[in-house]
C-alpha atoms as a PDB file:
ATOM      1  CA  MET A   1      50.383  47.300  20.791  1.00  0.00           C
ATOM      2  CA  GLY A   2      47.127  46.184  19.473  1.00  0.00           C
ATOM      3  CA  LYS A   3      45.263  43.078  20.306  1.00  0.00           C
ATOM      4  CA  SER A   4      46.015  39.802  18.409  1.00  0.00           C
ATOM      5  CA  GLN A   5      43.774  39.374  15.325  1.00  0.00           C
ATOM      6  CA  GLU A   6      43.380  35.588  16.150  1.00  0.00           C
ATOM      7  CA  THR A   7      40.220  34.990  18.005  1.00  0.00           C
ATOM      8  CA  PHE A   8      38.839  31.781  19.430  1.00  0.00           C
ATOM      9  CA  SER A   9      36.347  31.099  16.659  1.00  0.00           C
ATOM     10  CA  LYS A  10      39.096  31.832  13.955  1.00  0.00           C
ATOM     11  CA  LYS A  11      41.374  29.239  15.636  1.00  0.00           C
ATOM     12  CA  GLU A  12      38.480  26.751  15.800  1.00  0.00           C
ATOM     13  CA  LYS A  13      37.582  27.191  12.136  1.00  0.00           C
ATOM     14  CA  GLU A  14      41.452  26.687  11.125  1.00  0.00           C
ATOM     15  CA  LYS A  15      41.595  23.515  13.263  1.00  0.00           C
ATOM     16  CA  LYS A  16      38.467  22.191  11.428  1.00  0.00           C
ATOM     17  CA  ARG A  17      39.982  22.978   7.965  1.00  0.00           C
ATOM     18  CA  LEU A  18      43.161  21.190   8.965  1.00  0.00           C
ATOM     19  CA  LYS A  19      41.250  18.246  10.197  1.00  0.00           C
ATOM     20  CA  LYS A  20      39.254  18.030   6.999  1.00  0.00           C
ATOM     21  CA  ARG A  21      42.281  18.253   4.880  1.00  0.00           C
ATOM     22  CA  GLN A  22      43.948  15.436   6.862  1.00  0.00           C
ATOM     23  CA  GLU A  23      40.965  13.249   6.474  1.00  0.00           C
ATOM     24  CA  LYS A  24      40.812  13.942   2.784  1.00  0.00           C
ATOM     25  CA  LEU A  25      44.434  12.980   2.421  1.00  0.00           C
ATOM     26  CA  ALA A  26      43.770   9.784   4.404  1.00  0.00           C
ATOM     27  CA  ARG A  27      40.854   8.736   2.103  1.00  0.00           C
ATOM     28  CA  ARG A  28      43.060   9.403  -0.919  1.00  0.00           C
ATOM     29  CA  GLU A  29      45.743   7.192   0.542  1.00  0.00           C
ATOM     30  CA  GLU A  30      43.120   4.484   1.257  1.00  0.00           C
ATOM     31  CA  ARG A  31      41.904   4.557  -2.368  1.00  0.00           C
ATOM     32  CA  LYS A  32      45.426   4.337  -3.724  1.00  0.00           C
ATOM     33  CA  ALA A  33      46.246   1.369  -1.435  1.00  0.00           C
ATOM     34  CA  ASN A  34      42.891  -0.417  -2.379  1.00  0.00           C
ATOM     35  CA  PRO A  35      42.387   0.095  -6.026  1.00  0.00           C
ATOM     36  CA  LYS A  36      38.805  -0.080  -7.565  1.00  0.00           C
ATOM     37  CA  LYS A  37      37.282  -3.350  -8.856  1.00  0.00           C
ATOM     38  CA  THR A  38      37.376  -3.967 -12.520  1.00  0.00           C
ATOM     39  CA  PHE A  39      34.132  -3.543 -14.489  1.00  0.00           C
ATOM     40  CA  GLU A  40      33.542  -7.395 -14.646  1.00  0.00           C
ATOM     41  CA  GLU A  41      33.950  -7.676 -10.758  1.00  0.00           C
ATOM     42  CA  SER A  42      31.519  -4.832 -10.084  1.00  0.00           C
ATOM     43  CA  ILE A  43      28.677  -6.101 -12.269  1.00  0.00           C
ATOM     44  CA  ALA A  44      25.566  -7.534 -10.331  1.00  0.00           C
ATOM     45  CA  TYR A  45      23.168  -9.990 -11.892  1.00  0.00           C
ATOM     46  CA  ILE A  46      19.571 -10.666 -10.953  1.00  0.00           C
ATOM     47  CA  ASP A  47      18.510 -14.297 -10.730  1.00  0.00           C
ATOM     48  CA  GLU A  48      15.054 -15.964 -11.582  1.00  0.00           C
ATOM     49  CA  ASN A  49      13.605 -14.949  -8.154  1.00  0.00           C
ATOM     50  CA  GLY A  50      14.538 -11.199  -8.433  1.00  0.00           C
ATOM     51  CA  ASN A  51      17.539 -11.438  -5.956  1.00  0.00           C
ATOM     52  CA  PHE A  52      20.990  -9.902  -6.578  1.00  0.00           C
ATOM     53  CA  THR A  53      23.729 -12.229  -7.214  1.00  0.00           C
ATOM     54  CA  ASP A  54      27.373 -12.063  -8.643  1.00  0.00           C
ATOM     55  CA  THR A  55      27.097 -15.044 -10.909  1.00  0.00           C
ATOM     56  CA  PRO A  56      25.534 -14.760 -14.207  1.00  0.00           C
ATOM     57  CA  PRO A  57      22.104 -16.259 -14.733  1.00  0.00           C
ATOM     58  CA  ASP A  58      21.635 -19.821 -15.901  1.00  0.00           C
ATOM     59  CA  ALA A  59      20.498 -19.857 -19.626  1.00  0.00           C
ATOM     60  CA  THR A  60      18.457 -23.087 -19.019  1.00  0.00           C
ATOM     61  CA  LYS A  61      16.230 -21.331 -16.522  1.00  0.00           C
ATOM     62  CA  LYS A  62      15.324 -18.573 -18.869  1.00  0.00           C
ATOM     63  CA  SER A  63      11.708 -18.281 -19.958  1.00  0.00           C
ATOM     64  CA  VAL A  64      10.440 -16.699 -23.147  1.00  0.00           C
ATOM     65  CA  ILE A  65       7.488 -14.424 -22.910  1.00  0.00           C
ATOM     66  CA  LYS A  66       5.522 -13.419 -25.970  1.00  0.00           C
ATOM     67  CA  ALA A  67       4.543  -9.701 -26.623  1.00  0.00           C
ATOM     68  CA  GLU A  68       1.094 -10.819 -27.427  1.00  0.00           C
ATOM     69  CA  ASP A  69       0.664 -12.497 -23.937  1.00  0.00           C
ATOM     70  CA  ILE A  70       1.249  -9.268 -22.132  1.00  0.00           C
ATOM     71  CA  VAL A  71      -1.962  -7.427 -21.133  1.00  0.00           C
ATOM     72  CA  LEU A  72      -1.918  -3.777 -20.341  1.00  0.00           C
ATOM     73  CA  GLY A  73      -4.529  -2.157 -18.064  1.00  0.00           C
ATOM     74  CA  VAL A  74      -6.978  -3.516 -15.596  1.00  0.00           C
ATOM     75  CA  PRO A  75      -8.650  -6.735 -16.424  1.00  0.00           C
ATOM     76  CA  SER A  76     -12.363  -6.490 -16.832  1.00  0.00           C
ATOM     77  CA  LYS A  77     -14.433  -7.483 -13.781  1.00  0.00           C
ATOM     78  CA  GLU A  78     -16.427 -10.716 -14.210  1.00  0.00           C
ATOM     79  CA  PRO A  79     -20.095 -10.297 -13.500  1.00  0.00           C
ATOM     80  CA  ASP A  80     -21.239 -11.353  -9.987  1.00  0.00           C
ATOM     81  CA  GLU A  81     -23.581 -14.241 -10.699  1.00  0.00           C
ATOM     82  CA  SER A  82     -24.894 -14.559  -7.101  1.00  0.00           C
ATOM     83  CA  ASP A  83     -28.399 -13.846  -6.107  1.00  0.00           C
ATOM     84  CA  PRO A  84     -28.648  -9.854  -5.711  1.00  0.00           C
ATOM     85  CA  ILE A  85     -31.394 -10.327  -3.172  1.00  0.00           C
ATOM     86  CA  LYS A  86     -29.880 -11.121   0.267  1.00  0.00           C
ATOM     87  CA  LYS A  87     -31.429 -12.101   3.515  1.00  0.00           C
ATOM     88  CA  GLY A  88     -30.713 -10.846   7.118  1.00  0.00           C
ATOM     89  CA  LYS A  89     -31.852  -9.704  10.318  1.00  0.00           C
ATOM     90  CA  LEU A  90     -32.432  -6.061  11.421  1.00  0.00           C
ATOM     91  CA  GLU A  91     -29.899  -5.796  14.217  1.00  0.00           C
ATOM     92  CA  PHE A  92     -30.542  -2.097  15.261  1.00  0.00           C
ATOM     93  CA  TYR A  93     -33.083   0.385  14.166  1.00  0.00           C
ATOM     94  CA  ASN A  94     -33.698   3.984  15.477  1.00  0.00           C
ATOM     95  CA  ASN A  95     -37.215   5.115  14.602  1.00  0.00           C
ATOM     96  CA  ASP A  96     -36.627   8.690  15.620  1.00  0.00           C
ATOM     97  CA  LYS A  97     -33.686   9.227  13.455  1.00  0.00           C
ATOM     98  CA  GLY A  98     -34.700   6.790  10.620  1.00  0.00           C
ATOM     99  CA  TYR A  99     -31.699   4.719  10.321  1.00  0.00           C
ATOM    100  CA  GLY A 100     -30.441   1.192  11.309  1.00  0.00           C
ATOM    101  CA  PHE A 101     -28.134  -1.805  10.448  1.00  0.00           C
ATOM    102  CA  ILE A 102     -28.908  -5.000   8.897  1.00  0.00           C
ATOM    103  CA  LYS A 103     -26.698  -8.197   9.573  1.00  0.00           C
ATOM    104  CA  GLU A 104     -26.542 -10.470   6.668  1.00  0.00           C
ATOM    105  CA  ASP A 105     -27.133 -14.174   7.434  1.00  0.00           C
ATOM    106  CA  SER A 106     -24.513 -15.779   5.068  1.00  0.00           C
ATOM    107  CA  THR A 107     -21.575 -13.416   5.744  1.00  0.00           C
ATOM    108  CA  ASN A 108     -22.415 -11.804   9.185  1.00  0.00           C
ATOM    109  CA  GLU A 109     -21.608  -8.381   7.434  1.00  0.00           C
ATOM    110  CA  LYS A 110     -23.533  -5.242   8.771  1.00  0.00           C
ATOM    111  CA  TYR A 111     -25.025  -2.746   6.165  1.00  0.00           C
ATOM    112  CA  PHE A 112     -26.489   0.535   6.783  1.00  0.00           C
ATOM    113  CA  VAL A 113     -30.219   1.045   5.959  1.00  0.00           C
ATOM    114  CA  HIS A 114     -32.092   4.282   5.881  1.00  0.00           C
ATOM    115  CA  VAL A 115     -35.782   4.778   6.368  1.00  0.00           C
ATOM    116  CA  SER A 116     -36.276   5.883   2.743  1.00  0.00           C
ATOM    117  CA  SER A 117     -35.085   2.336   1.505  1.00  0.00           C
ATOM    118  CA  ILE A 118     -37.637   0.445   3.683  1.00  0.00           C
ATOM    119  CA  THR A 119     -40.891  -0.733   2.165  1.00  0.00           C
ATOM    120  CA  GLY A 120     -43.485  -1.635   4.843  1.00  0.00           C
ATOM    121  CA  GLU A 121     -43.165  -1.714   8.544  1.00  0.00           C
ATOM    122  CA  ILE A 122     -40.161  -3.375  10.296  1.00  0.00           C
ATOM    123  CA  LEU A 123     -38.860  -3.708  13.841  1.00  0.00           C
ATOM    124  CA  GLU A 124     -35.594  -4.545  15.441  1.00  0.00           C
ATOM    125  CA  GLY A 125     -35.045  -8.332  15.215  1.00  0.00           C
ATOM    126  CA  ASP A 126     -37.258  -8.715  12.124  1.00  0.00           C
ATOM    127  CA  LYS A 127     -36.060 -11.061   9.191  1.00  0.00           C
ATOM    128  CA  VAL A 128     -35.707  -9.021   6.042  1.00  0.00           C
ATOM    129  CA  SER A 129     -34.724  -9.265   2.375  1.00  0.00           C
ATOM    130  CA  PHE A 130     -32.566  -6.590   0.858  1.00  0.00           C
ATOM    131  CA  GLU A 131     -30.308  -5.551  -1.930  1.00  0.00           C
ATOM    132  CA  LEU A 132     -26.954  -3.724  -1.776  1.00  0.00           C
ATOM    133  CA  GLU A 133     -26.144  -0.500  -3.340  1.00  0.00           C
ATOM    134  CA  LYS A 134     -22.896   1.474  -3.228  1.00  0.00           C
ATOM    135  CA  GLY A 135     -23.246   4.588  -1.090  1.00  0.00           C
ATOM    136  CA  PRO A 136     -21.033   7.400  -0.202  1.00  0.00           C
ATOM    137  CA  LYS A 137     -19.484   5.628   2.758  1.00  0.00           C
ATOM    138  CA  GLY A 138     -19.756   1.946   1.550  1.00  0.00           C
ATOM    139  CA  LEU A 139     -22.448  -0.566   0.802  1.00  0.00           C
ATOM    140  CA  ASN A 140     -26.025   0.410   1.794  1.00  0.00           C
ATOM    141  CA  ALA A 141     -29.091  -1.887   2.016  1.00  0.00           C
ATOM    142  CA  VAL A 142     -31.877  -0.852  -0.327  1.00  0.00           C
ATOM    143  CA  ARG A 143     -35.293  -2.170  -1.212  1.00  0.00           C
ATOM    144  CA  VAL A 144     -35.630  -3.595   2.364  1.00  0.00           C
ATOM    145  CA  SER A 145     -38.828  -5.687   3.013  1.00  0.00           C
ATOM    146  CA  LYS A 146     -39.855  -7.910   5.961  1.00  0.00           C
ATOM    147  CA  ILE A 147     -39.936 -11.630   5.224  1.00  0.00           C
END
């Protein structure tokens, strides 16, 4: 006689199939026992605060928005009316490498300064006036002069 054709893995696969079939039948019976909600019961509303609710919105709280009032795009930036010349103190300066940092008096922000932007001779700790310009890594101090 030959060896039985049922191996361990075949038995395990058959057990899994039977288990899946039983779970499927159990889910079907559950659905039959608990019928679905009606369409009206399954509707969700959004209140004036943007939260989901099951009650319809109150018509008295409804606001009307005119199509002309809707602005598409980015609003234009208002021009900066502050003085472009700022004052500060040279916190750090490396003569060998030709760069340093200026700390602004009013905001205590630090800005990078390069030797090519400096007019005249300045040393660490000197009071300076400068303007800001957008650089590759942020704002840089330009047109730096000693006060």
